[in-house]
Amino acid sequence: MVTIMVAERKKLRKPSPKQKEKGMTVKAKKKTARARALVKTGKGRISINQKSLTIIEPRYVKMLIEEPLILAPEDLVSSIDIRVSVMGGGFSGQAGAVRSAIAKALISYTGDEKLRDRFLEYDRTLLVDDVRRKEAKKPLGKGARKKKQKSKR
């Protein structure tokens, strides 16, 4: 007889109005990029490293960052301010970290299970950090995998 254990979901706590006013901080990682998002009640302003989301370039990076905002209800997005600070990594890794931080911030702000399920159904990386790191260098080579060519004779 085989028993299957089902992992129980963590219940989301609804934040108090005082917490919403003060703001909630969330962290996210993608490769070596780290992002911190602060979400609080406001007028729908979103800034990344003190720059408005509207001026982020290239366009596909901006679209990637906007995905959790498009999936979230319009009234929620227009009633909060999100400030994200990101460091480390390249622009693509930073975009992934910002995207994840915004999604996590929206969920921690609302405590909404349906929104969390919608994010997980759309793309799991919105809520789960990327754990990939650089592989360690090995002996007899320049890097982790590259080796000196062996001679047969």
Protein backbone atom coordinates (compact mmCIF):
# COMPACT_ATOMS: atom_id res chain seq x y z
CA MET A 1 0.00 0.00 0.00
CA VAL A 2 1.41 3.36 -1.06
CA THR A 3 0.50 6.49 0.82
CA ILE A 4 0.81 9.84 -0.85
CA MET A 5 1.51 12.81 1.35
CA VAL A 6 -0.01 16.04 0.19
CA ALA A 7 1.77 19.17 1.32
CA GLU A 8 -0.55 21.58 3.06
CA ARG A 9 -0.61 25.11 1.75
CA LYS A 10 0.45 27.89 4.01
CA LYS A 11 -2.51 30.06 4.88
CA LEU A 12 -2.09 33.65 3.76
CA ARG A 13 -2.57 36.26 6.46
CA LYS A 14 -4.55 39.33 5.61
CA PRO A 15 -2.54 42.41 6.62
CA SER A 16 -4.09 44.95 8.93
CA PRO A 17 -4.97 48.46 7.65
CA LYS A 18 -2.07 49.82 9.73
CA GLN A 19 0.37 47.45 7.99
CA LYS A 20 -1.01 48.46 4.58
CA GLU A 21 -0.55 52.15 5.40
CA LYS A 22 2.98 51.65 6.73
CA GLY A 23 3.99 49.36 3.85
CA MET A 24 5.14 45.79 3.41
CA THR A 25 8.57 44.70 2.19
CA VAL A 26 9.15 41.61 0.03
CA LYS A 27 12.40 40.12 -1.36
CA ALA A 28 13.04 38.10 -4.53
CA LYS A 29 16.05 36.60 -6.33
CA LYS A 30 16.85 35.55 -9.88
CA LYS A 31 20.34 34.16 -10.50
CA THR A 32 22.58 36.82 -8.84
CA ALA A 33 20.05 39.68 -8.99
CA ARG A 34 18.25 40.64 -5.77
CA ALA A 35 15.16 42.84 -5.58
CA ARG A 36 13.29 44.38 -2.65
CA ALA A 37 9.78 45.71 -3.15
CA LEU A 38 7.92 48.03 -0.80
CA VAL A 39 4.16 48.14 -1.33
CA LYS A 40 1.75 50.50 0.40
CA THR A 41 -1.50 52.33 -0.26
CA GLY A 42 -1.15 55.04 -2.87
CA LYS A 43 -2.13 56.17 -6.36
CA GLY A 44 -0.80 53.39 -8.60
CA ARG A 45 2.80 54.58 -8.94
CA ILE A 46 5.45 51.97 -9.69
CA SER A 47 9.15 52.82 -9.59
CA ILE A 48 12.24 50.69 -10.04
CA ASN A 49 15.49 52.16 -8.67
CA GLN A 50 13.79 55.60 -8.50
CA LYS A 51 12.76 55.37 -12.20
CA SER A 52 9.16 55.15 -13.32
CA LEU A 53 8.10 51.88 -14.93
CA THR A 54 6.99 53.77 -18.04
CA ILE A 55 10.57 54.69 -19.02
CA ILE A 56 12.15 51.24 -18.58
CA GLU A 57 13.97 50.04 -21.71
CA PRO A 58 14.18 47.63 -23.61
CA ARG A 59 10.47 47.15 -24.23
CA TYR A 60 10.37 43.37 -23.72
CA VAL A 61 11.95 43.81 -20.26
CA LYS A 62 9.25 46.33 -19.39
CA MET A 63 6.57 43.89 -20.62
CA LEU A 64 8.10 41.11 -18.51
CA ILE A 65 8.00 43.32 -15.40
CA GLU A 66 4.37 44.34 -16.09
CA GLU A 67 3.06 40.73 -16.21
CA PRO A 68 2.03 40.49 -12.53
CA LEU A 69 0.38 43.92 -12.77
CA ILE A 70 -1.68 42.79 -15.77
CA LEU A 71 -2.75 39.57 -14.01
CA ALA A 72 -3.77 41.45 -10.84
CA PRO A 73 -7.17 43.20 -10.57
CA GLU A 74 -7.15 46.74 -11.99
CA ASP A 75 -8.61 48.33 -8.84
CA LEU A 76 -5.80 46.80 -6.73
CA VAL A 77 -3.00 48.07 -8.99
CA SER A 78 -4.45 51.60 -9.13
CA SER A 79 -4.75 51.85 -5.33
CA ILE A 80 -1.16 50.98 -4.32
CA ASP A 81 2.37 52.34 -4.78
CA ILE A 82 5.25 49.92 -5.38
CA ARG A 83 8.91 50.92 -4.97
CA VAL A 84 11.45 48.33 -6.06
CA SER A 85 15.21 48.47 -5.55
CA VAL A 86 17.25 45.92 -7.47
CA MET A 87 20.98 45.17 -7.54
CA GLY A 88 23.36 42.59 -8.96
CA GLY A 89 23.14 40.46 -12.09
CA GLY A 90 22.38 41.54 -15.64
CA PHE A 91 19.33 43.37 -16.92
CA SER A 92 17.43 40.16 -17.70
CA GLY A 93 18.07 38.67 -14.26
CA GLN A 94 17.14 41.98 -12.66
CA ALA A 95 13.89 42.04 -14.63
CA GLY A 96 13.05 38.52 -13.39
CA ALA A 97 13.80 39.51 -9.80
CA VAL A 98 11.69 42.69 -10.05
CA ARG A 99 8.82 40.74 -11.61
CA SER A 100 8.92 38.17 -8.82
CA ALA A 101 9.17 40.85 -6.11
CA ILE A 102 6.13 42.70 -7.49
CA ALA A 103 4.07 39.50 -7.62
CA LYS A 104 5.04 38.55 -4.06
CA ALA A 105 4.30 42.09 -2.87
CA LEU A 106 0.81 42.04 -4.39
CA ILE A 107 0.03 38.74 -2.68
CA SER A 108 1.40 39.79 0.71
CA TYR A 109 -0.54 43.07 0.47
CA THR A 110 -3.88 41.45 -0.37
CA GLY A 111 -3.55 38.01 1.24
CA ASP A 112 -5.67 36.72 -1.67
CA GLU A 113 -5.54 32.96 -2.41
CA LYS A 114 -7.18 33.37 -5.83
CA LEU A 115 -4.54 35.85 -6.95
CA ARG A 116 -1.81 33.51 -5.73
CA ASP A 117 -3.35 30.61 -7.69
CA ARG A 118 -3.63 32.80 -10.80
CA PHE A 119 0.08 33.70 -10.56
CA LEU A 120 1.09 30.06 -10.03
CA GLU A 121 -1.06 28.90 -12.94
CA TYR A 122 0.39 31.56 -15.25
CA ASP A 123 4.07 31.15 -14.32
CA ARG A 124 5.55 29.51 -11.24
CA THR A 125 8.65 31.75 -11.32
CA LEU A 126 6.47 34.71 -10.30
CA LEU A 127 6.37 33.34 -6.74
CA VAL A 128 9.31 30.92 -6.53
CA ASP A 129 12.87 32.27 -6.49
CA ASP A 130 15.41 30.98 -9.00
CA VAL A 131 18.00 28.88 -7.15
CA ARG A 132 20.53 28.53 -9.97
CA ARG A 133 24.04 29.59 -9.02
CA LYS A 134 27.43 29.40 -10.72
CA GLU A 135 28.98 25.96 -10.61
CA ALA A 136 32.34 25.70 -8.83
CA LYS A 137 35.56 25.45 -10.83
CA LYS A 138 37.15 22.00 -11.00
CA PRO A 139 40.84 21.06 -11.29
CA LEU A 140 42.53 20.56 -14.70
CA GLY A 141 40.45 23.20 -16.43
CA LYS A 142 39.58 26.84 -16.82
CA GLY A 143 36.05 26.52 -15.45
CA ALA A 144 33.49 24.11 -14.10
CA ARG A 145 33.32 21.89 -17.21
CA LYS A 146 36.04 22.93 -19.68
CA LYS A 147 39.13 20.71 -19.47
CA LYS A 148 42.52 20.45 -21.14
CA GLN A 149 42.46 18.23 -24.20
CA LYS A 150 43.78 14.74 -23.51
CA SER A 151 46.55 13.35 -25.71
CA LYS A 152 46.28 9.72 -26.83
CA ARG A 153 50.03 9.30 -27.22
